[in-house]
Amino acid sequence: VQLVESGGGLVQPGGSLRLSCIASDRVGATNLMGWYRQAPGKQRELVASLIGGRDPRYGSSVEGRFTISRDNAKNAVYLQMNSLKPEDTAVYYCHVRILSSLTHYWGQGTQVTVSS
């Protein structure tokens, strides 16, 4: 499975961005799709994840500001980011986990920079 992210860029504090990730192969609804991020000098951390279309999980620093969604027909996962802060600056990675085989797939990453 290849994952291609898009939608990153430069935005001012308080602004919004929407990230998209498209998988090259079918990702069943029962498998996990989500987003991680990694800032310079920091460990990669969970941003949001979703199995099927219910019960999303969010990192504590983004809950209430970010929303994850997926379109199983398009093998896509999205991340709507609102009220962005400078500390949200990072490379954002799309992630897929196939639960039956515990196989992980990662995208190449897309840079999000929040700065005035």
N, C-alpha and C. Protein backbone atom coordinates (compact mmCIF):
# COMPACT_ATOMS: atom_id res chain seq x y z
N VAL A 1 0.86 -1.19 0.00
CA VAL A 1 0.00 0.00 0.00
C VAL A 1 0.90 1.24 0.00
N GLN A 2 0.68 2.11 -0.95
CA GLN A 2 1.40 3.39 -0.97
C GLN A 2 0.44 4.49 -0.55
N LEU A 3 0.95 5.41 0.25
CA LEU A 3 0.12 6.50 0.78
C LEU A 3 0.68 7.82 0.27
N VAL A 4 -0.17 8.65 -0.27
CA VAL A 4 0.24 9.94 -0.80
C VAL A 4 -0.53 11.04 -0.09
N GLU A 5 0.23 11.89 0.63
CA GLU A 5 -0.40 13.00 1.36
C GLU A 5 -0.37 14.27 0.51
N SER A 6 -1.28 15.16 0.81
CA SER A 6 -1.29 16.48 0.20
C SER A 6 -2.00 17.44 1.14
N GLY A 7 -1.82 18.74 0.87
CA GLY A 7 -2.55 19.74 1.63
C GLY A 7 -1.73 20.52 2.64
N GLY A 8 -0.47 20.15 2.83
CA GLY A 8 0.36 20.90 3.76
C GLY A 8 0.72 22.26 3.21
N GLY A 9 1.37 23.07 4.06
CA GLY A 9 1.78 24.39 3.61
C GLY A 9 2.03 25.32 4.77
N LEU A 10 2.11 26.59 4.45
CA LEU A 10 2.34 27.65 5.44
C LEU A 10 1.02 28.34 5.74
N VAL A 11 0.73 28.51 7.01
CA VAL A 11 -0.51 29.16 7.43
C VAL A 11 -0.24 30.01 8.65
N GLN A 12 -0.99 31.07 8.81
CA GLN A 12 -0.84 31.93 9.97
C GLN A 12 -1.51 31.32 11.19
N PRO A 13 -1.05 31.67 12.38
CA PRO A 13 -1.73 31.20 13.60
C PRO A 13 -3.22 31.54 13.56
N GLY A 14 -4.02 30.58 13.98
CA GLY A 14 -5.46 30.74 13.94
C GLY A 14 -6.10 30.28 12.64
N GLY A 15 -5.27 29.98 11.65
CA GLY A 15 -5.78 29.55 10.36
C GLY A 15 -6.12 28.07 10.31
N SER A 16 -6.49 27.61 9.11
CA SER A 16 -6.92 26.24 8.90
C SER A 16 -6.21 25.62 7.71
N LEU A 17 -6.07 24.33 7.76
CA LEU A 17 -5.58 23.53 6.64
C LEU A 17 -6.31 22.20 6.65
N ARG A 18 -6.39 21.59 5.46
CA ARG A 18 -6.98 20.26 5.36
C ARG A 18 -5.99 19.35 4.65
N LEU A 19 -5.59 18.31 5.35
CA LEU A 19 -4.69 17.32 4.78
C LEU A 19 -5.49 16.17 4.20
N SER A 20 -4.98 15.63 3.10
CA SER A 20 -5.60 14.47 2.46
C SER A 20 -4.56 13.37 2.29
N CYS A 21 -5.01 12.15 2.36
CA CYS A 21 -4.13 11.00 2.13
C CYS A 21 -4.92 9.97 1.33
N ILE A 22 -4.34 9.56 0.21
CA ILE A 22 -4.98 8.57 -0.64
C ILE A 22 -4.12 7.32 -0.67
N ALA A 23 -4.72 6.18 -0.42
CA ALA A 23 -4.02 4.90 -0.47
C ALA A 23 -4.13 4.28 -1.85
N SER A 24 -3.04 3.62 -2.27
CA SER A 24 -3.01 3.05 -3.62
C SER A 24 -3.86 1.79 -3.74
N ASP A 25 -4.09 1.13 -2.60
CA ASP A 25 -4.89 -0.09 -2.60
C ASP A 25 -6.03 0.05 -1.61
N ARG A 26 -6.95 -0.86 -1.71
CA ARG A 26 -8.10 -0.81 -0.82
C ARG A 26 -7.66 -1.00 0.63
N VAL A 27 -8.17 -0.14 1.48
CA VAL A 27 -7.96 -0.27 2.92
C VAL A 27 -9.34 -0.52 3.52
N GLY A 28 -9.56 -1.72 3.96
CA GLY A 28 -10.87 -2.06 4.48
C GLY A 28 -11.28 -1.18 5.64
N ALA A 29 -12.57 -1.04 5.77
CA ALA A 29 -13.11 -0.14 6.79
C ALA A 29 -12.73 -0.57 8.20
N THR A 30 -12.41 -1.84 8.37
CA THR A 30 -12.07 -2.32 9.71
C THR A 30 -10.60 -2.10 10.05
N ASN A 31 -9.84 -1.57 9.11
CA ASN A 31 -8.44 -1.26 9.39
C ASN A 31 -8.28 0.20 9.77
N LEU A 32 -7.16 0.48 10.39
CA LEU A 32 -6.94 1.81 10.97
C LEU A 32 -6.29 2.73 9.95
N MET A 33 -6.79 3.94 9.86
CA MET A 33 -6.16 5.01 9.09
C MET A 33 -6.02 6.21 10.02
N GLY A 34 -4.92 6.92 9.89
CA GLY A 34 -4.73 8.05 10.78
C GLY A 34 -3.56 8.93 10.40
N TRP A 35 -3.22 9.80 11.30
CA TRP A 35 -2.18 10.79 11.09
C TRP A 35 -1.27 10.86 12.32
N TYR A 36 0.02 10.95 12.05
CA TYR A 36 1.03 11.24 13.07
C TYR A 36 1.75 12.50 12.62
N ARG A 37 2.51 13.08 13.54
CA ARG A 37 3.34 14.20 13.19
C ARG A 37 4.66 14.14 13.94
N GLN A 38 5.66 14.80 13.36
CA GLN A 38 6.97 14.85 13.99
C GLN A 38 7.56 16.23 13.79
N ALA A 39 7.81 16.90 14.91
CA ALA A 39 8.46 18.20 14.89
C ALA A 39 9.98 18.01 15.05
N PRO A 40 10.78 18.97 14.62
CA PRO A 40 12.24 18.84 14.76
C PRO A 40 12.65 18.59 16.20
N GLY A 41 13.47 17.57 16.41
CA GLY A 41 13.97 17.26 17.74
C GLY A 41 12.98 16.56 18.65
N LYS A 42 11.82 16.19 18.10
CA LYS A 42 10.80 15.53 18.92
C LYS A 42 10.44 14.17 18.34
N GLN A 43 9.83 13.33 19.18
CA GLN A 43 9.38 12.02 18.71
C GLN A 43 8.10 12.17 17.89
N ARG A 44 7.91 11.19 17.02
CA ARG A 44 6.66 11.16 16.27
C ARG A 44 5.52 10.90 17.24
N GLU A 45 4.41 11.62 17.06
CA GLU A 45 3.29 11.49 17.98
C GLU A 45 1.98 11.33 17.21
N LEU A 46 1.04 10.67 17.85
CA LEU A 46 -0.28 10.49 17.27
C LEU A 46 -1.01 11.82 17.19
N VAL A 47 -1.59 12.08 16.04
CA VAL A 47 -2.48 13.24 15.89
C VAL A 47 -3.92 12.76 15.96
N ALA A 48 -4.27 11.81 15.12
CA ALA A 48 -5.64 11.29 15.11
C ALA A 48 -5.67 9.97 14.36
N SER A 49 -6.60 9.09 14.75
CA SER A 49 -6.76 7.83 14.05
C SER A 49 -8.23 7.43 14.07
N LEU A 50 -8.57 6.55 13.13
CA LEU A 50 -9.96 6.18 12.96
C LEU A 50 -10.05 4.77 12.39
N ILE A 51 -10.90 3.96 12.98
CA ILE A 51 -11.23 2.64 12.43
C ILE A 51 -12.68 2.71 11.99
N GLY A 52 -12.90 2.41 10.71
CA GLY A 52 -14.24 2.59 10.20
C GLY A 52 -14.57 4.07 10.22
N GLY A 53 -15.74 4.42 10.66
CA GLY A 53 -16.12 5.83 10.68
C GLY A 53 -16.50 6.33 12.06
N ARG A 54 -16.17 5.54 13.08
CA ARG A 54 -16.61 5.89 14.41
C ARG A 54 -15.45 5.90 15.40
N ASP A 55 -15.72 6.51 16.55
CA ASP A 55 -14.78 6.49 17.67
C ASP A 55 -13.38 6.95 17.30
N PRO A 56 -13.24 8.15 16.80
CA PRO A 56 -11.90 8.65 16.51
C PRO A 56 -11.09 8.86 17.78
N ARG A 57 -9.79 8.71 17.64
CA ARG A 57 -8.87 9.01 18.71
C ARG A 57 -8.05 10.23 18.32
N TYR A 58 -7.81 11.11 19.29
CA TYR A 58 -7.03 12.32 19.05
C TYR A 58 -5.93 12.46 20.09
N GLY A 59 -4.81 13.04 19.64
CA GLY A 59 -3.80 13.45 20.60
C GLY A 59 -4.35 14.58 21.47
N SER A 60 -3.91 14.62 22.70
CA SER A 60 -4.48 15.60 23.64
C SER A 60 -4.25 17.04 23.19
N SER A 61 -3.18 17.28 22.46
CA SER A 61 -2.86 18.66 22.08
C SER A 61 -3.71 19.17 20.92
N VAL A 62 -4.42 18.28 20.23
CA VAL A 62 -5.20 18.71 19.07
C VAL A 62 -6.70 18.51 19.25
N GLU A 63 -7.09 17.80 20.30
CA GLU A 63 -8.51 17.51 20.49
C GLU A 63 -9.30 18.81 20.59
N GLY A 64 -10.42 18.85 19.86
CA GLY A 64 -11.25 20.03 19.83
C GLY A 64 -10.90 20.99 18.71
N ARG A 65 -9.75 20.81 18.09
CA ARG A 65 -9.33 21.69 16.99
C ARG A 65 -9.20 20.94 15.67
N PHE A 66 -8.84 19.67 15.74
CA PHE A 66 -8.65 18.86 14.53
C PHE A 66 -9.79 17.84 14.43
N THR A 67 -10.12 17.49 13.19
CA THR A 67 -11.15 16.49 12.94
C THR A 67 -10.66 15.53 11.86
N ILE A 68 -10.71 14.24 12.18
CA ILE A 68 -10.33 13.22 11.21
C ILE A 68 -11.58 12.64 10.58
N SER A 69 -11.46 12.32 9.30
CA SER A 69 -12.57 11.66 8.61
C SER A 69 -11.96 10.75 7.54
N ARG A 70 -12.78 9.82 7.04
CA ARG A 70 -12.29 8.94 5.99
C ARG A 70 -13.40 8.63 5.02
N ASP A 71 -12.97 8.32 3.80
CA ASP A 71 -13.90 7.91 2.75
C ASP A 71 -13.43 6.54 2.30
N ASN A 72 -14.08 5.50 2.77
CA ASN A 72 -13.62 4.14 2.48
C ASN A 72 -13.72 3.82 0.99
N ALA A 73 -14.67 4.39 0.31
CA ALA A 73 -14.81 4.14 -1.12
C ALA A 73 -13.62 4.69 -1.92
N LYS A 74 -13.01 5.75 -1.40
CA LYS A 74 -11.86 6.36 -2.07
C LYS A 74 -10.53 5.96 -1.44
N ASN A 75 -10.58 5.10 -0.43
CA ASN A 75 -9.36 4.73 0.30
C ASN A 75 -8.63 5.96 0.79
N ALA A 76 -9.37 6.89 1.36
CA ALA A 76 -8.81 8.18 1.73
C ALA A 76 -9.09 8.49 3.19
N VAL A 77 -8.17 9.26 3.75
CA VAL A 77 -8.36 9.79 5.10
C VAL A 77 -7.99 11.26 5.06
N TYR A 78 -8.71 12.05 5.84
CA TYR A 78 -8.54 13.49 5.82
C TYR A 78 -8.32 14.00 7.24
N LEU A 79 -7.66 15.14 7.33
CA LEU A 79 -7.47 15.79 8.62
C LEU A 79 -7.76 17.27 8.46
N GLN A 80 -8.86 17.71 9.04
CA GLN A 80 -9.21 19.12 9.06
C GLN A 80 -8.59 19.75 10.30
N MET A 81 -7.74 20.74 10.08
CA MET A 81 -7.02 21.37 11.19
C MET A 81 -7.46 22.83 11.29
N ASN A 82 -8.06 23.17 12.41
CA ASN A 82 -8.53 24.53 12.67
C ASN A 82 -7.78 25.12 13.85
N SER A 83 -7.86 26.43 13.96
CA SER A 83 -7.22 27.14 15.09
C SER A 83 -5.77 26.72 15.25
N LEU A 84 -5.05 26.71 14.15
CA LEU A 84 -3.68 26.23 14.18
C LEU A 84 -2.78 27.12 15.01
N LYS A 85 -1.83 26.47 15.67
CA LYS A 85 -0.89 27.16 16.55
C LYS A 85 0.54 26.91 16.05
N PRO A 86 1.47 27.78 16.40
CA PRO A 86 2.87 27.54 15.98
C PRO A 86 3.39 26.17 16.41
N GLU A 87 2.92 25.68 17.55
CA GLU A 87 3.38 24.37 18.02
C GLU A 87 2.82 23.21 17.22
N ASP A 88 1.92 23.48 16.30
CA ASP A 88 1.44 22.44 15.38
C ASP A 88 2.40 22.25 14.21
N THR A 89 3.40 23.09 14.11
CA THR A 89 4.38 22.97 13.02
C THR A 89 5.10 21.63 13.11
N ALA A 90 5.05 20.86 12.02
CA ALA A 90 5.65 19.53 12.00
C ALA A 90 5.48 18.94 10.60
N VAL A 91 6.13 17.81 10.39
CA VAL A 91 5.83 16.99 9.22
C VAL A 91 4.73 16.03 9.62
N TYR A 92 3.67 16.01 8.84
CA TYR A 92 2.52 15.16 9.12
C TYR A 92 2.56 13.93 8.22
N TYR A 93 2.40 12.77 8.84
CA TYR A 93 2.49 11.50 8.14
C TYR A 93 1.15 10.76 8.17
N CYS A 94 0.75 10.29 7.04
CA CYS A 94 -0.40 9.41 6.96
C CYS A 94 0.01 8.01 7.39
N HIS A 95 -0.87 7.32 8.07
CA HIS A 95 -0.56 5.99 8.62
C HIS A 95 -1.73 5.05 8.40
N VAL A 96 -1.39 3.85 7.99
CA VAL A 96 -2.37 2.78 7.87
C VAL A 96 -1.86 1.57 8.62
N ARG A 97 -2.73 0.94 9.39
CA ARG A 97 -2.38 -0.31 10.05
C ARG A 97 -3.40 -1.37 9.68
N ILE A 98 -2.88 -2.43 9.08
CA ILE A 98 -3.72 -3.56 8.74
C ILE A 98 -3.80 -4.45 9.98
N LEU A 99 -4.95 -4.54 10.58
CA LEU A 99 -5.06 -5.17 11.89
C LEU A 99 -4.82 -6.68 11.84
N SER A 100 -5.19 -7.34 10.76
CA SER A 100 -5.04 -8.79 10.69
C SER A 100 -3.58 -9.21 10.65
N SER A 101 -2.72 -8.40 10.06
CA SER A 101 -1.31 -8.75 9.92
C SER A 101 -0.40 -7.84 10.74
N LEU A 102 -0.98 -6.84 11.38
CA LEU A 102 -0.22 -5.84 12.15
C LEU A 102 0.82 -5.14 11.29
N THR A 103 0.54 -5.01 10.01
CA THR A 103 1.45 -4.32 9.09
C THR A 103 1.15 -2.83 9.11
N HIS A 104 2.22 -2.05 9.15
CA HIS A 104 2.09 -0.60 9.15
C HIS A 104 2.58 -0.04 7.81
N TYR A 105 1.89 0.98 7.33
CA TYR A 105 2.30 1.71 6.15
C TYR A 105 2.35 3.19 6.49
N TRP A 106 3.34 3.88 5.89
CA TRP A 106 3.52 5.31 6.14
C TRP A 106 3.62 6.07 4.83
N GLY A 107 3.09 7.28 4.83
CA GLY A 107 3.29 8.17 3.71
C GLY A 107 4.64 8.86 3.82
N GLN A 108 4.95 9.67 2.81
CA GLN A 108 6.25 10.33 2.77
C GLN A 108 6.28 11.59 3.65
N GLY A 109 5.12 12.04 4.07
CA GLY A 109 5.04 13.21 4.94
C GLY A 109 4.76 14.49 4.18
N THR A 110 4.03 15.38 4.83
CA THR A 110 3.77 16.71 4.26
C THR A 110 4.03 17.75 5.35
N GLN A 111 4.73 18.81 4.98
CA GLN A 111 5.14 19.82 5.96
C GLN A 111 3.98 20.78 6.23
N VAL A 112 3.73 21.00 7.51
CA VAL A 112 2.79 22.04 7.95
C VAL A 112 3.57 23.03 8.80
N THR A 113 3.53 24.29 8.40
CA THR A 113 4.23 25.34 9.13
C THR A 113 3.23 26.41 9.53
N VAL A 114 3.16 26.69 10.83
CA VAL A 114 2.25 27.70 11.35
C VAL A 114 3.10 28.86 11.86
N SER A 115 3.04 29.96 11.16
CA SER A 115 3.90 31.10 11.49
C SER A 115 3.31 32.37 10.94
N SER A 116 3.53 33.47 11.65
CA SER A 116 3.11 34.77 11.16
C SER A 116 4.24 35.45 10.39
